[in-house]
Each structure stands twice: as C-alpha cells, then as structure tokens.
Amino acid sequence: MRIIMEIREDAFRTPKTSRQIEDEMRQAAAVFWVARGDVAPEAVNDIAAPAAPEKEGTLYELLMQGPNVGNDADFERPAEHGRELPEWNT
C-alpha cells in the first residue's frame, strides 16, 4: 500500500529529510494501529521497517517512458558524404 502525504516544510521546528519523515510516520502509524487493535503486535516490525529502495532504471528505460512524438527521420543525422574531391590534371 502506498500513502502520499503533503506536509509544508516549515511545519517542523528543525529541518527533516523526506526519508526521516517517512520513517517517523511509518513508526507512528504502526504504534497507533497496534494500540487501537487494528494490527497484531507481531506485525509492527513489518510495518515500521523501511521500504525497500525502488530500483532505478537505465537511461534507455527512462527515455522510453517519454511520449512517442515526431518522425524518426527528424532525429537522424543527415548523410554526409564529405567534400567533393577536385580533379587533377595529371
């Protein structure tokens, strides 16, 4: 389950990273749910444990998520055959 919260940065007396807030909210939710009886005490460690970091994809995968616009020919380099060679009178 994913929960998204928006919290103003100036709400905290001391600056916190988003990771610190995430960990604190997960721990607080686990304690609250156990106290209320929604969750078994044995499940607290599973809830309070940090989430596994998301795997970062490759640059190619990131680019493939973009919109499919334009023609391939628009992005190709024009064929360059170099300069014409002068003819020598020998």
C-alpha atoms as a PDB file:
ATOM      1  CA  MET A   1       0.000   0.000   0.000  1.00  0.00           C
ATOM      2  CA  ARG A   2       1.255   3.452  -0.838  1.00  0.00           C
ATOM      3  CA  ILE A   3       0.159   6.541   1.056  1.00  0.00           C
ATOM      4  CA  ILE A   4       1.066  10.014  -0.183  1.00  0.00           C
ATOM      5  CA  MET A   5       1.118  12.999   2.169  1.00  0.00           C
ATOM      6  CA  GLU A   6       1.891  16.629   1.554  1.00  0.00           C
ATOM      7  CA  ILE A   7       3.430  18.438   4.520  1.00  0.00           C
ATOM      8  CA  ARG A   8       4.706  22.001   4.492  1.00  0.00           C
ATOM      9  CA  GLU A   9       8.441  22.141   5.138  1.00  0.00           C
ATOM     10  CA  ASP A  10       8.042  24.985   7.613  1.00  0.00           C
ATOM     11  CA  ALA A  11       5.754  22.818   9.795  1.00  0.00           C
ATOM     12  CA  PHE A  12       8.810  21.334  11.543  1.00  0.00           C
ATOM     13  CA  ARG A  13      10.924  23.200  14.062  1.00  0.00           C
ATOM     14  CA  THR A  14      14.062  21.523  12.745  1.00  0.00           C
ATOM     15  CA  PRO A  15      14.559  20.604   9.081  1.00  0.00           C
ATOM     16  CA  LYS A  16      13.901  16.956   8.204  1.00  0.00           C
ATOM     17  CA  THR A  17      14.530  14.979   5.076  1.00  0.00           C
ATOM     18  CA  SER A  18      11.653  13.252   3.340  1.00  0.00           C
ATOM     19  CA  ARG A  19      13.212   9.918   4.341  1.00  0.00           C
ATOM     20  CA  GLN A  20      13.188  10.907   8.040  1.00  0.00           C
ATOM     21  CA  ILE A  21       9.534  11.936   7.824  1.00  0.00           C
ATOM     22  CA  GLU A  22       8.663   8.719   6.027  1.00  0.00           C
ATOM     23  CA  ASP A  23      10.335   6.581   8.715  1.00  0.00           C
ATOM     24  CA  GLU A  24       8.726   8.532  11.569  1.00  0.00           C
ATOM     25  CA  MET A  25       5.251   8.349  10.021  1.00  0.00           C
ATOM     26  CA  ARG A  26       5.592   4.607   9.435  1.00  0.00           C
ATOM     27  CA  GLN A  27       6.620   4.045  13.083  1.00  0.00           C
ATOM     28  CA  ALA A  28       3.838   6.290  14.406  1.00  0.00           C
ATOM     29  CA  ALA A  29       1.220   4.526  12.281  1.00  0.00           C
ATOM     30  CA  ALA A  30       2.401   1.112  13.475  1.00  0.00           C
ATOM     31  CA  VAL A  31       2.178   2.156  17.147  1.00  0.00           C
ATOM     32  CA  PHE A  32      -1.241   3.770  16.600  1.00  0.00           C
ATOM     33  CA  TRP A  33      -2.667   0.711  14.830  1.00  0.00           C
ATOM     34  CA  VAL A  34      -1.363  -1.682  17.494  1.00  0.00           C
ATOM     35  CA  ALA A  35      -2.809   0.483  20.290  1.00  0.00           C
ATOM     36  CA  ARG A  36      -6.164   0.576  18.511  1.00  0.00           C
ATOM     37  CA  GLY A  37      -6.098  -3.189  17.897  1.00  0.00           C
ATOM     38  CA  ASP A  38      -6.078  -2.984  14.102  1.00  0.00           C
ATOM     39  CA  VAL A  39      -2.721  -4.732  13.806  1.00  0.00           C
ATOM     40  CA  ALA A  40      -1.156  -7.596  15.738  1.00  0.00           C
ATOM     41  CA  PRO A  41       1.940  -6.625  17.758  1.00  0.00           C
ATOM     42  CA  GLU A  42       3.972  -9.120  15.719  1.00  0.00           C
ATOM     43  CA  ALA A  43       3.276  -7.111  12.559  1.00  0.00           C
ATOM     44  CA  VAL A  44       4.803  -3.890  13.912  1.00  0.00           C
ATOM     45  CA  ASN A  45       8.287  -4.745  12.661  1.00  0.00           C
ATOM     46  CA  ASP A  46       6.947  -5.357   9.146  1.00  0.00           C
ATOM     47  CA  ILE A  47       5.107  -2.031   9.130  1.00  0.00           C
ATOM     48  CA  ALA A  48       7.864   0.037  10.749  1.00  0.00           C
ATOM     49  CA  ALA A  49      10.662  -1.425   8.591  1.00  0.00           C
ATOM     50  CA  PRO A  50      11.910   0.920   5.877  1.00  0.00           C
ATOM     51  CA  ALA A  51      10.573   0.168   2.442  1.00  0.00           C
ATOM     52  CA  ALA A  52      12.929  -1.479   0.008  1.00  0.00           C
ATOM     53  CA  PRO A  53      14.515   1.158  -2.211  1.00  0.00           C
ATOM     54  CA  GLU A  54      12.986   1.349  -5.642  1.00  0.00           C
ATOM     55  CA  LYS A  55      15.196   0.023  -8.387  1.00  0.00           C
ATOM     56  CA  GLU A  56      16.416   2.779 -10.632  1.00  0.00           C
ATOM     57  CA  GLY A  57      16.092   2.000 -14.284  1.00  0.00           C
ATOM     58  CA  THR A  58      18.527   2.670 -17.045  1.00  0.00           C
ATOM     59  CA  LEU A  59      18.604   5.874 -19.056  1.00  0.00           C
ATOM     60  CA  TYR A  60      17.120   3.982 -22.006  1.00  0.00           C
ATOM     61  CA  GLU A  61      14.126   2.883 -19.888  1.00  0.00           C
ATOM     62  CA  LEU A  62      13.608   6.455 -18.724  1.00  0.00           C
ATOM     63  CA  LEU A  63      13.672   7.770 -22.281  1.00  0.00           C
ATOM     64  CA  MET A  64      11.259   5.071 -23.433  1.00  0.00           C
ATOM     65  CA  GLN A  65       8.705   6.326 -20.887  1.00  0.00           C
ATOM     66  CA  GLY A  66       8.535   9.637 -22.740  1.00  0.00           C
ATOM     67  CA  PRO A  67       5.914  10.441 -25.349  1.00  0.00           C
ATOM     68  CA  ASN A  68       6.195   8.908 -28.783  1.00  0.00           C
ATOM     69  CA  VAL A  69       6.173  12.044 -30.924  1.00  0.00           C
ATOM     70  CA  GLY A  70       7.812  13.102 -34.162  1.00  0.00           C
ATOM     71  CA  ASN A  71       9.186  11.090 -37.018  1.00  0.00           C
ATOM     72  CA  ASP A  72      12.381   9.105 -36.690  1.00  0.00           C
ATOM     73  CA  ALA A  73      13.769  10.986 -39.686  1.00  0.00           C
ATOM     74  CA  ASP A  74      13.512  14.228 -37.691  1.00  0.00           C
ATOM     75  CA  PHE A  75      16.105  12.926 -35.258  1.00  0.00           C
ATOM     76  CA  GLU A  76      18.521  11.290 -37.678  1.00  0.00           C
ATOM     77  CA  ARG A  77      21.756  12.915 -38.755  1.00  0.00           C
ATOM     78  CA  PRO A  78      21.791  13.745 -42.439  1.00  0.00           C
ATOM     79  CA  ALA A  79      24.069  11.586 -44.513  1.00  0.00           C
ATOM     80  CA  GLU A  80      27.315  13.462 -45.060  1.00  0.00           C
ATOM     81  CA  HIS A  81      29.397  12.349 -47.967  1.00  0.00           C
ATOM     82  CA  GLY A  82      32.204  14.796 -47.384  1.00  0.00           C
ATOM     83  CA  ARG A  83      33.610  17.356 -49.796  1.00  0.00           C
ATOM     84  CA  GLU A  84      33.847  16.803 -53.489  1.00  0.00           C
ATOM     85  CA  LEU A  85      37.365  15.895 -54.451  1.00  0.00           C
ATOM     86  CA  PRO A  86      38.949  18.125 -57.066  1.00  0.00           C
ATOM     87  CA  GLU A  87      40.003  16.541 -60.303  1.00  0.00           C
ATOM     88  CA  TRP A  88      43.724  16.794 -61.015  1.00  0.00           C
ATOM     89  CA  ASN A  89      45.110  17.111 -64.479  1.00  0.00           C
ATOM     90  CA  THR A  90      47.929  14.676 -64.474  1.00  0.00           C
END
